[in-house]
Amino acid sequence: GMKKDEIIKKLQNFLVANKNSEEIESLTLNTILKHLGISKGSFYYHFKNKDDLLFQAINPLMKNQTQEFKHDIKKLNSLKEQFHLLFEPFVAEPNNTKLKQIDNFYTNLFFKEYTNKAKLQNMKKIYTSVRNARKSLLFQALKYNDIKVDKKLTILLDFLDTTMMFYYHINKVIYKKHANNEILDLIDMLCNLIEKQYKNKPTT
């Protein structure tokens, strides 16, 4: 049978090549195995189920992506620009950046499946790691801007993250449109608020 890391590598290449996340998400395990040329026996020897495989393939992609983004946000000069970059998956049409792919993939998956409790349990791991990665980047951006994070601000960021996801999804799925401007306005408004309230005031 195939080695575990070979299977993971194959799936990662497949995910990156097939940018249409909805396609990936609706694939059955059998279709994935057929695409990758892997036998069922080989698969079950290494993985519990499809979600287990997806998690192990996507998590490293996420980690690399997070590192790349850390460098990218350092180069931007304002909190607004940094937040725009980090919430980009919810703004523009997904192009081929891996982050958009992963975000779209899990946002869609989450909304499609969140009525199904068992499914949600499996996915929670991946969903949590996607959110945590973004959160650590948002905190990084705040740090670069001399903003001290307290409990209230942490709650505000969580709220922002959830709001983005719902807003993006509702617009995309229900109204079949992209709410780019409204989302950018919301980010700008929150950045203004954060900078007003939290920026370390220079001591005179």
N, C-alpha and C. Protein backbone atom coordinates (compact mmCIF):
# COMPACT_ATOMS: atom_id res chain seq x y z
N GLY A 1 0.83 -1.21 0.00
CA GLY A 1 0.00 0.00 0.00
C GLY A 1 0.85 1.25 0.00
N MET A 2 0.18 2.37 -0.18
CA MET A 2 0.88 3.65 -0.24
C MET A 2 1.22 4.14 1.16
N LYS A 3 2.33 4.85 1.27
CA LYS A 3 2.71 5.41 2.57
C LYS A 3 1.78 6.59 2.91
N LYS A 4 1.65 6.80 4.22
CA LYS A 4 0.75 7.85 4.70
C LYS A 4 1.11 9.22 4.13
N ASP A 5 2.40 9.60 4.19
CA ASP A 5 2.75 10.94 3.71
C ASP A 5 2.59 11.08 2.20
N GLU A 6 2.67 9.97 1.49
CA GLU A 6 2.43 10.02 0.04
C GLU A 6 0.96 10.36 -0.23
N ILE A 7 0.07 9.73 0.55
CA ILE A 7 -1.37 9.97 0.38
C ILE A 7 -1.67 11.45 0.69
N ILE A 8 -1.10 11.96 1.79
CA ILE A 8 -1.33 13.35 2.19
C ILE A 8 -0.84 14.30 1.10
N LYS A 9 0.37 14.03 0.60
CA LYS A 9 0.96 14.88 -0.44
C LYS A 9 0.07 14.90 -1.69
N LYS A 10 -0.41 13.71 -2.06
CA LYS A 10 -1.28 13.61 -3.24
C LYS A 10 -2.54 14.44 -3.07
N LEU A 11 -3.13 14.36 -1.88
CA LEU A 11 -4.35 15.12 -1.65
C LEU A 11 -4.06 16.62 -1.65
N GLN A 12 -2.93 17.01 -1.05
CA GLN A 12 -2.58 18.44 -1.04
C GLN A 12 -2.45 18.97 -2.47
N ASN A 13 -1.76 18.22 -3.31
CA ASN A 13 -1.61 18.65 -4.71
C ASN A 13 -2.97 18.74 -5.39
N PHE A 14 -3.82 17.79 -5.07
CA PHE A 14 -5.16 17.75 -5.64
C PHE A 14 -5.97 18.98 -5.20
N LEU A 15 -5.88 19.32 -3.90
CA LEU A 15 -6.60 20.47 -3.36
C LEU A 15 -6.13 21.77 -4.01
N VAL A 16 -4.82 21.87 -4.19
CA VAL A 16 -4.26 23.08 -4.75
C VAL A 16 -4.62 23.19 -6.24
N ALA A 17 -4.66 22.06 -6.91
CA ALA A 17 -4.98 22.06 -8.35
C ALA A 17 -6.46 22.32 -8.60
N ASN A 18 -7.32 21.82 -7.72
CA ASN A 18 -8.76 22.01 -7.89
C ASN A 18 -9.25 23.15 -7.03
N LYS A 19 -9.19 24.34 -7.59
CA LYS A 19 -9.44 25.50 -6.75
C LYS A 19 -10.90 25.67 -6.41
N ASN A 20 -11.76 24.99 -7.14
CA ASN A 20 -13.17 25.14 -6.84
C ASN A 20 -13.52 24.33 -5.59
N SER A 21 -13.59 25.04 -4.47
CA SER A 21 -13.74 24.35 -3.19
C SER A 21 -15.01 23.52 -3.10
N GLU A 22 -16.09 24.02 -3.72
CA GLU A 22 -17.34 23.28 -3.60
C GLU A 22 -17.24 21.89 -4.21
N GLU A 23 -16.41 21.81 -5.24
CA GLU A 23 -16.19 20.53 -5.88
C GLU A 23 -15.55 19.54 -4.89
N ILE A 24 -14.51 20.00 -4.23
CA ILE A 24 -13.76 19.14 -3.32
C ILE A 24 -14.66 18.66 -2.20
N GLU A 25 -15.45 19.61 -1.71
CA GLU A 25 -16.25 19.35 -0.54
C GLU A 25 -17.35 18.32 -0.80
N SER A 26 -17.82 18.29 -2.05
CA SER A 26 -18.91 17.35 -2.32
C SER A 26 -18.38 15.98 -2.75
N LEU A 27 -17.07 15.85 -2.85
CA LEU A 27 -16.51 14.56 -3.27
C LEU A 27 -16.71 13.52 -2.18
N THR A 28 -17.10 12.35 -2.59
CA THR A 28 -17.19 11.25 -1.63
C THR A 28 -15.79 10.70 -1.43
N LEU A 29 -15.65 9.93 -0.39
CA LEU A 29 -14.36 9.31 -0.13
C LEU A 29 -13.94 8.46 -1.32
N ASN A 30 -14.88 7.71 -1.87
CA ASN A 30 -14.56 6.85 -3.03
C ASN A 30 -14.00 7.65 -4.21
N THR A 31 -14.63 8.79 -4.48
CA THR A 31 -14.16 9.62 -5.59
C THR A 31 -12.76 10.13 -5.32
N ILE A 32 -12.52 10.58 -4.08
CA ILE A 32 -11.18 11.06 -3.73
C ILE A 32 -10.15 9.95 -3.94
N LEU A 33 -10.47 8.76 -3.44
CA LEU A 33 -9.53 7.64 -3.56
C LEU A 33 -9.27 7.30 -5.03
N LYS A 34 -10.34 7.38 -5.82
CA LYS A 34 -10.19 7.09 -7.24
C LYS A 34 -9.28 8.13 -7.91
N HIS A 35 -9.54 9.39 -7.61
CA HIS A 35 -8.71 10.49 -8.14
C HIS A 35 -7.25 10.31 -7.78
N LEU A 36 -7.02 9.90 -6.55
CA LEU A 36 -5.65 9.82 -6.06
C LEU A 36 -5.00 8.46 -6.36
N GLY A 37 -5.81 7.53 -6.83
CA GLY A 37 -5.30 6.19 -7.11
C GLY A 37 -4.90 5.44 -5.85
N ILE A 38 -5.76 5.48 -4.85
CA ILE A 38 -5.46 4.83 -3.56
C ILE A 38 -6.51 3.77 -3.26
N SER A 39 -6.07 2.64 -2.78
CA SER A 39 -7.04 1.60 -2.44
C SER A 39 -7.67 1.89 -1.09
N LYS A 40 -8.88 1.36 -0.89
CA LYS A 40 -9.58 1.57 0.38
C LYS A 40 -8.78 1.01 1.54
N GLY A 41 -8.20 -0.15 1.33
CA GLY A 41 -7.41 -0.79 2.38
C GLY A 41 -6.27 0.11 2.82
N SER A 42 -5.58 0.64 1.84
CA SER A 42 -4.47 1.55 2.08
C SER A 42 -4.94 2.76 2.89
N PHE A 43 -6.09 3.30 2.49
CA PHE A 43 -6.63 4.48 3.14
C PHE A 43 -6.96 4.19 4.61
N TYR A 44 -7.73 3.13 4.85
CA TYR A 44 -8.17 2.84 6.22
C TYR A 44 -7.04 2.36 7.12
N TYR A 45 -5.95 1.97 6.52
CA TYR A 45 -4.80 1.58 7.33
C TYR A 45 -4.23 2.84 8.00
N HIS A 46 -4.31 3.99 7.31
CA HIS A 46 -3.69 5.21 7.81
C HIS A 46 -4.66 6.23 8.41
N PHE A 47 -5.92 6.23 7.97
CA PHE A 47 -6.85 7.29 8.38
C PHE A 47 -8.17 6.73 8.88
N LYS A 48 -8.78 7.50 9.81
CA LYS A 48 -10.07 7.05 10.36
C LYS A 48 -11.20 7.24 9.35
N ASN A 49 -11.22 8.42 8.71
CA ASN A 49 -12.30 8.74 7.77
C ASN A 49 -11.86 9.90 6.87
N LYS A 50 -12.76 10.36 6.03
CA LYS A 50 -12.43 11.42 5.07
C LYS A 50 -11.97 12.70 5.78
N ASP A 51 -12.67 13.06 6.87
CA ASP A 51 -12.32 14.29 7.58
C ASP A 51 -10.92 14.21 8.19
N ASP A 52 -10.57 13.04 8.65
CA ASP A 52 -9.25 12.82 9.23
C ASP A 52 -8.18 13.09 8.15
N LEU A 53 -8.41 12.57 6.98
CA LEU A 53 -7.48 12.79 5.87
C LEU A 53 -7.43 14.27 5.50
N LEU A 54 -8.61 14.90 5.38
CA LEU A 54 -8.65 16.31 5.01
C LEU A 54 -7.92 17.17 6.04
N PHE A 55 -8.14 16.86 7.31
CA PHE A 55 -7.47 17.63 8.36
C PHE A 55 -5.96 17.51 8.24
N GLN A 56 -5.48 16.28 8.04
CA GLN A 56 -4.04 16.08 7.98
C GLN A 56 -3.42 16.69 6.72
N ALA A 57 -4.23 16.84 5.69
CA ALA A 57 -3.72 17.46 4.46
C ALA A 57 -3.77 18.98 4.55
N ILE A 58 -4.83 19.49 5.16
CA ILE A 58 -5.04 20.93 5.14
C ILE A 58 -4.29 21.66 6.25
N ASN A 59 -4.13 21.00 7.38
CA ASN A 59 -3.47 21.67 8.49
C ASN A 59 -2.07 22.19 8.16
N PRO A 60 -1.22 21.36 7.53
CA PRO A 60 0.11 21.88 7.15
C PRO A 60 0.03 23.03 6.14
N LEU A 61 -0.95 22.96 5.23
CA LEU A 61 -1.12 24.06 4.26
C LEU A 61 -1.44 25.34 5.01
N MET A 62 -2.31 25.20 6.01
CA MET A 62 -2.69 26.34 6.84
C MET A 62 -1.47 26.94 7.54
N LYS A 63 -0.66 26.06 8.12
CA LYS A 63 0.50 26.54 8.88
C LYS A 63 1.47 27.32 7.99
N ASN A 64 1.73 26.77 6.79
CA ASN A 64 2.62 27.47 5.85
C ASN A 64 2.03 28.82 5.46
N GLN A 65 0.74 28.78 5.21
CA GLN A 65 0.04 29.98 4.80
C GLN A 65 0.14 31.05 5.89
N THR A 66 -0.02 30.63 7.13
CA THR A 66 0.04 31.57 8.26
C THR A 66 1.42 32.21 8.32
N GLN A 67 2.46 31.42 8.11
CA GLN A 67 3.82 31.96 8.12
C GLN A 67 3.99 33.00 7.02
N GLU A 68 3.51 32.67 5.81
CA GLU A 68 3.62 33.60 4.68
C GLU A 68 2.89 34.91 5.00
N PHE A 69 1.73 34.78 5.60
CA PHE A 69 0.94 35.97 5.92
C PHE A 69 1.60 36.83 6.98
N LYS A 70 2.33 36.18 7.91
CA LYS A 70 3.04 36.96 8.93
C LYS A 70 4.02 37.91 8.26
N HIS A 71 4.69 37.43 7.23
CA HIS A 71 5.63 38.29 6.50
C HIS A 71 4.88 39.37 5.74
N ASP A 72 3.76 38.99 5.13
CA ASP A 72 3.01 39.94 4.32
C ASP A 72 2.44 41.09 5.14
N ILE A 73 1.91 40.77 6.32
CA ILE A 73 1.28 41.87 7.08
C ILE A 73 2.33 42.83 7.65
N LYS A 74 3.53 42.32 7.86
CA LYS A 74 4.61 43.16 8.37
C LYS A 74 4.91 44.29 7.39
N LYS A 75 4.74 44.00 6.10
CA LYS A 75 5.09 44.97 5.05
C LYS A 75 4.02 46.05 4.89
N LEU A 76 2.82 45.83 5.44
CA LEU A 76 1.75 46.82 5.27
C LEU A 76 1.80 47.85 6.39
N ASN A 77 1.39 49.07 6.06
CA ASN A 77 1.61 50.15 7.02
C ASN A 77 0.48 50.43 7.99
N SER A 78 -0.74 50.01 7.63
CA SER A 78 -1.83 50.38 8.53
C SER A 78 -2.64 49.17 8.94
N LEU A 79 -3.30 49.32 10.06
CA LEU A 79 -4.15 48.26 10.59
C LEU A 79 -5.22 47.89 9.57
N LYS A 80 -5.78 48.92 8.90
CA LYS A 80 -6.82 48.66 7.90
C LYS A 80 -6.31 47.76 6.78
N GLU A 81 -5.14 48.10 6.25
CA GLU A 81 -4.59 47.29 5.15
C GLU A 81 -4.36 45.85 5.62
N GLN A 82 -3.86 45.73 6.84
CA GLN A 82 -3.57 44.40 7.36
C GLN A 82 -4.85 43.59 7.55
N PHE A 83 -5.88 44.24 8.10
CA PHE A 83 -7.15 43.54 8.29
C PHE A 83 -7.80 43.20 6.95
N HIS A 84 -7.66 44.11 5.99
CA HIS A 84 -8.20 43.82 4.65
C HIS A 84 -7.57 42.56 4.09
N LEU A 85 -6.26 42.46 4.26
CA LEU A 85 -5.56 41.28 3.74
C LEU A 85 -6.05 40.01 4.44
N LEU A 86 -6.21 40.08 5.75
CA LEU A 86 -6.55 38.87 6.51
C LEU A 86 -8.00 38.44 6.30
N PHE A 87 -8.86 39.39 5.96
CA PHE A 87 -10.25 39.02 5.70
C PHE A 87 -10.54 38.91 4.21
N GLU A 88 -9.47 38.93 3.43
CA GLU A 88 -9.62 38.87 1.99
C GLU A 88 -10.47 37.69 1.50
N PRO A 89 -10.38 36.53 2.14
CA PRO A 89 -11.19 35.42 1.65
C PRO A 89 -12.67 35.75 1.60
N PHE A 90 -13.12 36.67 2.45
CA PHE A 90 -14.54 36.97 2.49
C PHE A 90 -14.90 38.15 1.60
N VAL A 91 -13.89 38.71 0.93
CA VAL A 91 -14.17 39.90 0.16
C VAL A 91 -14.27 39.59 -1.31
N ALA A 92 -13.15 39.36 -1.94
CA ALA A 92 -13.16 39.21 -3.39
C ALA A 92 -13.62 37.82 -3.79
N GLU A 93 -13.87 37.68 -5.07
CA GLU A 93 -14.11 36.34 -5.63
C GLU A 93 -12.88 35.52 -5.29
N PRO A 94 -13.07 34.31 -4.84
CA PRO A 94 -11.87 33.51 -4.52
C PRO A 94 -11.00 33.35 -5.76
N ASN A 95 -9.76 33.81 -5.68
CA ASN A 95 -8.86 33.49 -6.78
C ASN A 95 -8.02 32.33 -6.30
N ASN A 96 -6.81 32.20 -6.78
CA ASN A 96 -6.15 30.94 -6.45
C ASN A 96 -5.33 30.97 -5.18
N THR A 97 -5.49 31.97 -4.32
CA THR A 97 -4.67 31.91 -3.12
C THR A 97 -5.18 30.77 -2.25
N LYS A 98 -4.24 30.06 -1.67
CA LYS A 98 -4.59 28.89 -0.87
C LYS A 98 -5.48 29.27 0.31
N LEU A 99 -5.24 30.43 0.87
CA LEU A 99 -6.01 30.81 2.05
C LEU A 99 -7.49 30.93 1.69
N LYS A 100 -7.77 31.53 0.55
CA LYS A 100 -9.15 31.67 0.13
C LYS A 100 -9.79 30.31 -0.05
N GLN A 101 -9.01 29.45 -0.67
CA GLN A 101 -9.52 28.11 -0.90
C GLN A 101 -9.92 27.45 0.40
N ILE A 102 -9.01 27.50 1.36
CA ILE A 102 -9.25 26.82 2.63
C ILE A 102 -10.43 27.46 3.34
N ASP A 103 -10.45 28.80 3.35
CA ASP A 103 -11.54 29.48 4.02
C ASP A 103 -12.89 29.19 3.39
N ASN A 104 -12.92 29.26 2.07
CA ASN A 104 -14.19 29.00 1.38
C ASN A 104 -14.63 27.58 1.62
N PHE A 105 -13.67 26.70 1.54
CA PHE A 105 -13.93 25.29 1.72
C PHE A 105 -14.60 25.05 3.08
N TYR A 106 -14.01 25.60 4.13
CA TYR A 106 -14.56 25.35 5.45
C TYR A 106 -15.79 26.16 5.76
N THR A 107 -15.88 27.36 5.21
CA THR A 107 -17.10 28.14 5.44
C THR A 107 -18.26 27.40 4.81
N ASN A 108 -18.08 26.96 3.58
CA ASN A 108 -19.15 26.24 2.90
C ASN A 108 -19.51 24.97 3.63
N LEU A 109 -18.48 24.26 4.00
CA LEU A 109 -18.67 22.99 4.68
C LEU A 109 -19.42 23.22 5.99
N PHE A 110 -18.98 24.22 6.71
CA PHE A 110 -19.56 24.50 8.02
C PHE A 110 -21.06 24.81 7.88
N PHE A 111 -21.39 25.64 6.92
CA PHE A 111 -22.79 26.03 6.79
C PHE A 111 -23.64 24.91 6.24
N LYS A 112 -23.03 24.10 5.40
CA LYS A 112 -23.78 23.01 4.81
C LYS A 112 -24.07 21.94 5.86
N GLU A 113 -23.11 21.75 6.73
CA GLU A 113 -23.19 20.59 7.63
C GLU A 113 -23.60 20.93 9.05
N TYR A 114 -23.75 22.21 9.36
CA TYR A 114 -23.88 22.48 10.79
C TYR A 114 -25.20 22.04 11.36
N THR A 115 -26.09 21.53 10.52
CA THR A 115 -27.31 20.93 11.03
C THR A 115 -27.05 19.48 11.45
N ASN A 116 -25.92 18.95 10.98
CA ASN A 116 -25.62 17.56 11.24
C ASN A 116 -24.57 17.46 12.35
N LYS A 117 -25.02 17.12 13.56
CA LYS A 117 -24.16 17.15 14.75
C LYS A 117 -22.90 16.30 14.62
N ALA A 118 -23.07 15.08 14.14
CA ALA A 118 -21.92 14.16 14.08
C ALA A 118 -20.87 14.72 13.13
N LYS A 119 -21.34 15.24 12.02
CA LYS A 119 -20.45 15.80 11.02
C LYS A 119 -19.69 16.98 11.60
N LEU A 120 -20.41 17.79 12.35
CA LEU A 120 -19.80 18.98 12.92
C LEU A 120 -18.67 18.63 13.88
N GLN A 121 -18.86 17.57 14.67
CA GLN A 121 -17.82 17.13 15.58
C GLN A 121 -16.52 16.87 14.83
N ASN A 122 -16.63 16.14 13.72
CA ASN A 122 -15.46 15.83 12.91
C ASN A 122 -14.79 17.08 12.37
N MET A 123 -15.62 18.02 11.96
CA MET A 123 -15.08 19.18 11.30
C MET A 123 -14.54 20.23 12.23
N LYS A 124 -14.99 20.15 13.48
CA LYS A 124 -14.65 21.19 14.43
C LYS A 124 -13.15 21.43 14.49
N LYS A 125 -12.40 20.34 14.43
CA LYS A 125 -10.95 20.43 14.51
C LYS A 125 -10.40 21.35 13.43
N ILE A 126 -10.88 21.15 12.22
CA ILE A 126 -10.34 21.91 11.10
C ILE A 126 -10.84 23.34 11.15
N TYR A 127 -12.11 23.47 11.45
CA TYR A 127 -12.72 24.78 11.53
C TYR A 127 -11.99 25.61 12.59
N THR A 128 -11.72 24.99 13.73
CA THR A 128 -11.04 25.67 14.82
C THR A 128 -9.63 26.08 14.40
N SER A 129 -8.95 25.21 13.68
CA SER A 129 -7.58 25.56 13.32
C SER A 129 -7.55 26.68 12.28
N VAL A 130 -8.56 26.74 11.41
CA VAL A 130 -8.65 27.84 10.44
C VAL A 130 -8.88 29.16 11.19
N ARG A 131 -9.79 29.13 12.14
CA ARG A 131 -10.09 30.36 12.89
C ARG A 131 -8.92 30.80 13.76
N ASN A 132 -8.28 29.83 14.41
CA ASN A 132 -7.15 30.17 15.28
C ASN A 132 -6.00 30.79 14.49
N ALA A 133 -5.79 30.25 13.29
CA ALA A 133 -4.71 30.79 12.46
C ALA A 133 -5.00 32.25 12.13
N ARG A 134 -6.25 32.54 11.75
CA ARG A 134 -6.58 33.92 11.41
C ARG A 134 -6.49 34.82 12.65
N LYS A 135 -6.94 34.28 13.78
CA LYS A 135 -6.90 35.07 15.01
C LYS A 135 -5.47 35.44 15.39
N SER A 136 -4.57 34.49 15.26
CA SER A 136 -3.19 34.80 15.63
C SER A 136 -2.62 35.88 14.72
N LEU A 137 -3.04 35.88 13.45
CA LEU A 137 -2.58 36.91 12.52
C LEU A 137 -3.18 38.28 12.84
N LEU A 138 -4.46 38.28 13.25
CA LEU A 138 -5.09 39.55 13.62
C LEU A 138 -4.40 40.14 14.84
N PHE A 139 -4.06 39.29 15.80
CA PHE A 139 -3.35 39.76 16.99
C PHE A 139 -1.98 40.32 16.62
N GLN A 140 -1.33 39.65 15.67
CA GLN A 140 -0.03 40.09 15.18
C GLN A 140 -0.14 41.50 14.60
N ALA A 141 -1.19 41.71 13.79
CA ALA A 141 -1.41 43.02 13.18
C ALA A 141 -1.60 44.09 14.26
N LEU A 142 -2.35 43.74 15.30
CA LEU A 142 -2.58 44.71 16.38
C LEU A 142 -1.27 45.06 17.08
N LYS A 143 -0.45 44.03 17.27
CA LYS A 143 0.83 44.25 17.93
C LYS A 143 1.71 45.21 17.12
N TYR A 144 1.75 45.00 15.82
CA TYR A 144 2.55 45.88 14.95
C TYR A 144 2.07 47.32 15.04
N ASN A 145 0.80 47.50 15.41
CA ASN A 145 0.23 48.85 15.48
C ASN A 145 0.19 49.38 16.90
N ASP A 146 0.95 48.73 17.78
CA ASP A 146 1.02 49.22 19.16
C ASP A 146 -0.30 49.19 19.88
N ILE A 147 -1.11 48.19 19.61
CA ILE A 147 -2.41 48.13 20.25
C ILE A 147 -2.42 46.99 21.25
N LYS A 148 -2.74 47.34 22.47
CA LYS A 148 -2.78 46.32 23.53
C LYS A 148 -4.11 45.58 23.47
N VAL A 149 -4.03 44.27 23.48
CA VAL A 149 -5.25 43.47 23.38
C VAL A 149 -5.75 43.13 24.78
N ASP A 150 -6.99 43.45 25.06
CA ASP A 150 -7.59 43.01 26.32
C ASP A 150 -8.78 42.11 26.00
N LYS A 151 -9.49 41.73 27.06
CA LYS A 151 -10.58 40.77 26.89
C LYS A 151 -11.67 41.30 25.95
N LYS A 152 -11.99 42.58 26.11
CA LYS A 152 -13.04 43.17 25.27
C LYS A 152 -12.66 43.12 23.80
N LEU A 153 -11.40 43.42 23.53
CA LEU A 153 -10.95 43.43 22.15
C LEU A 153 -10.93 42.01 21.57
N THR A 154 -10.60 41.05 22.40
CA THR A 154 -10.63 39.65 21.96
C THR A 154 -12.05 39.26 21.56
N ILE A 155 -13.01 39.67 22.37
CA ILE A 155 -14.42 39.37 22.06
C ILE A 155 -14.83 40.07 20.76
N LEU A 156 -14.38 41.30 20.61
CA LEU A 156 -14.69 42.06 19.39
C LEU A 156 -14.14 41.35 18.14
N LEU A 157 -12.93 40.83 18.24
CA LEU A 157 -12.33 40.13 17.10
C LEU A 157 -13.09 38.85 16.77
N ASP A 158 -13.51 38.15 17.80
CA ASP A 158 -14.31 36.94 17.58
C ASP A 158 -15.61 37.28 16.87
N PHE A 159 -16.20 38.36 17.34
CA PHE A 159 -17.45 38.82 16.75
C PHE A 159 -17.24 39.17 15.28
N LEU A 160 -16.14 39.87 15.00
CA LEU A 160 -15.82 40.27 13.63
C LEU A 160 -15.67 39.05 12.74
N ASP A 161 -14.96 38.07 13.23
CA ASP A 161 -14.71 36.86 12.47
C ASP A 161 -16.01 36.13 12.12
N THR A 162 -16.85 35.95 13.13
CA THR A 162 -18.12 35.26 12.92
C THR A 162 -19.02 36.06 11.98
N THR A 163 -19.07 37.38 12.21
CA THR A 163 -19.91 38.23 11.38
C THR A 163 -19.50 38.15 9.92
N MET A 164 -18.19 38.21 9.69
CA MET A 164 -17.67 38.11 8.32
C MET A 164 -18.18 36.85 7.65
N MET A 165 -18.04 35.76 8.38
CA MET A 165 -18.36 34.47 7.81
C MET A 165 -19.85 34.39 7.46
N PHE A 166 -20.70 34.81 8.37
CA PHE A 166 -22.15 34.76 8.12
C PHE A 166 -22.52 35.69 6.97
N TYR A 167 -21.97 36.87 7.02
CA TYR A 167 -22.32 37.88 6.04
C TYR A 167 -21.92 37.43 4.64
N TYR A 168 -20.71 36.94 4.56
CA TYR A 168 -20.18 36.44 3.30
C TYR A 168 -21.06 35.31 2.78
N HIS A 169 -21.38 34.42 3.68
CA HIS A 169 -22.10 33.22 3.27
C HIS A 169 -23.54 33.54 2.87
N ILE A 170 -24.20 34.36 3.67
CA ILE A 170 -25.58 34.72 3.38
C ILE A 170 -25.66 35.41 2.02
N ASN A 171 -24.74 36.31 1.78
CA ASN A 171 -24.75 37.01 0.50
C ASN A 171 -24.47 36.07 -0.66
N LYS A 172 -23.50 35.19 -0.45
CA LYS A 172 -23.09 34.32 -1.54
C LYS A 172 -24.17 33.28 -1.83
N VAL A 173 -24.68 32.68 -0.78
CA VAL A 173 -25.60 31.57 -0.97
C VAL A 173 -27.02 32.03 -1.24
N ILE A 174 -27.48 33.00 -0.45
CA ILE A 174 -28.88 33.38 -0.57
C ILE A 174 -29.08 34.42 -1.67
N TYR A 175 -28.20 35.44 -1.69
CA TYR A 175 -28.41 36.50 -2.68
C TYR A 175 -27.53 36.36 -3.91
N LYS A 176 -26.66 35.34 -3.90
CA LYS A 176 -25.76 35.10 -5.04
C LYS A 176 -25.01 36.37 -5.45
N LYS A 177 -24.55 37.10 -4.44
CA LYS A 177 -23.77 38.29 -4.79
C LYS A 177 -22.59 38.41 -3.82
N HIS A 178 -21.68 39.30 -4.15
CA HIS A 178 -20.53 39.52 -3.27
C HIS A 178 -20.70 40.84 -2.56
N ALA A 179 -20.61 40.79 -1.26
CA ALA A 179 -20.86 41.99 -0.47
C ALA A 179 -19.55 42.71 -0.17
N ASN A 180 -18.70 42.82 -1.18
CA ASN A 180 -17.37 43.40 -0.96
C ASN A 180 -17.37 44.72 -0.22
N ASN A 181 -18.16 45.68 -0.73
CA ASN A 181 -18.08 47.02 -0.15
C ASN A 181 -18.56 47.06 1.29
N GLU A 182 -19.66 46.37 1.55
CA GLU A 182 -20.19 46.37 2.92
C GLU A 182 -19.18 45.74 3.88
N ILE A 183 -18.54 44.67 3.43
CA ILE A 183 -17.57 44.00 4.30
C ILE A 183 -16.37 44.91 4.55
N LEU A 184 -15.88 45.55 3.50
CA LEU A 184 -14.75 46.47 3.67
C LEU A 184 -15.13 47.64 4.59
N ASP A 185 -16.37 48.13 4.46
CA ASP A 185 -16.83 49.21 5.34
C ASP A 185 -16.84 48.77 6.79
N LEU A 186 -17.31 47.56 7.02
CA LEU A 186 -17.36 47.04 8.38
C LEU A 186 -15.94 46.92 8.97
N ILE A 187 -15.01 46.42 8.16
CA ILE A 187 -13.62 46.29 8.63
C ILE A 187 -13.07 47.68 8.97
N ASP A 188 -13.30 48.65 8.07
CA ASP A 188 -12.77 50.00 8.30
C ASP A 188 -13.34 50.63 9.56
N MET A 189 -14.64 50.43 9.73
CA MET A 189 -15.31 51.00 10.89
C MET A 189 -14.70 50.42 12.17
N LEU A 190 -14.50 49.09 12.17
CA LEU A 190 -13.94 48.45 13.36
C LEU A 190 -12.49 48.86 13.59
N CYS A 191 -11.73 49.01 12.52
CA CYS A 191 -10.35 49.47 12.68
C CYS A 191 -10.30 50.87 13.28
N ASN A 192 -11.20 51.74 12.82
CA ASN A 192 -11.26 53.10 13.39
C ASN A 192 -11.56 53.05 14.87
N LEU A 193 -12.54 52.22 15.20
CA LEU A 193 -12.94 52.06 16.59
C LEU A 193 -11.77 51.57 17.44
N ILE A 194 -11.10 50.53 16.94
CA ILE A 194 -9.97 49.95 17.68
C ILE A 194 -8.86 50.98 17.85
N GLU A 195 -8.57 51.71 16.78
CA GLU A 195 -7.47 52.68 16.88
C GLU A 195 -7.81 53.81 17.83
N LYS A 196 -9.07 54.23 17.82
CA LYS A 196 -9.50 55.30 18.73
C LYS A 196 -9.40 54.84 20.19
N GLN A 197 -9.91 53.64 20.43
CA GLN A 197 -10.03 53.15 21.81
C GLN A 197 -8.73 52.60 22.38
N TYR A 198 -7.94 51.97 21.53
CA TYR A 198 -6.88 51.13 22.08
C TYR A 198 -5.45 51.55 21.80
N LYS A 199 -5.29 52.47 20.84
CA LYS A 199 -3.91 52.81 20.48
C LYS A 199 -3.19 53.37 21.70
N ASN A 200 -1.99 52.86 21.94
CA ASN A 200 -1.20 53.37 23.08
C ASN A 200 -0.92 54.85 22.85
N LYS A 201 -1.43 55.66 23.74
CA LYS A 201 -1.22 57.10 23.57
C LYS A 201 0.20 57.44 24.01
N PRO A 202 0.93 58.18 23.17
CA PRO A 202 2.29 58.56 23.57
C PRO A 202 2.24 59.40 24.84
N THR A 203 3.07 59.08 25.78
CA THR A 203 3.05 59.84 27.04
C THR A 203 3.85 61.13 26.81
N THR A 204 3.27 62.23 27.25
CA THR A 204 3.96 63.51 27.03
C THR A 204 4.89 63.83 28.18
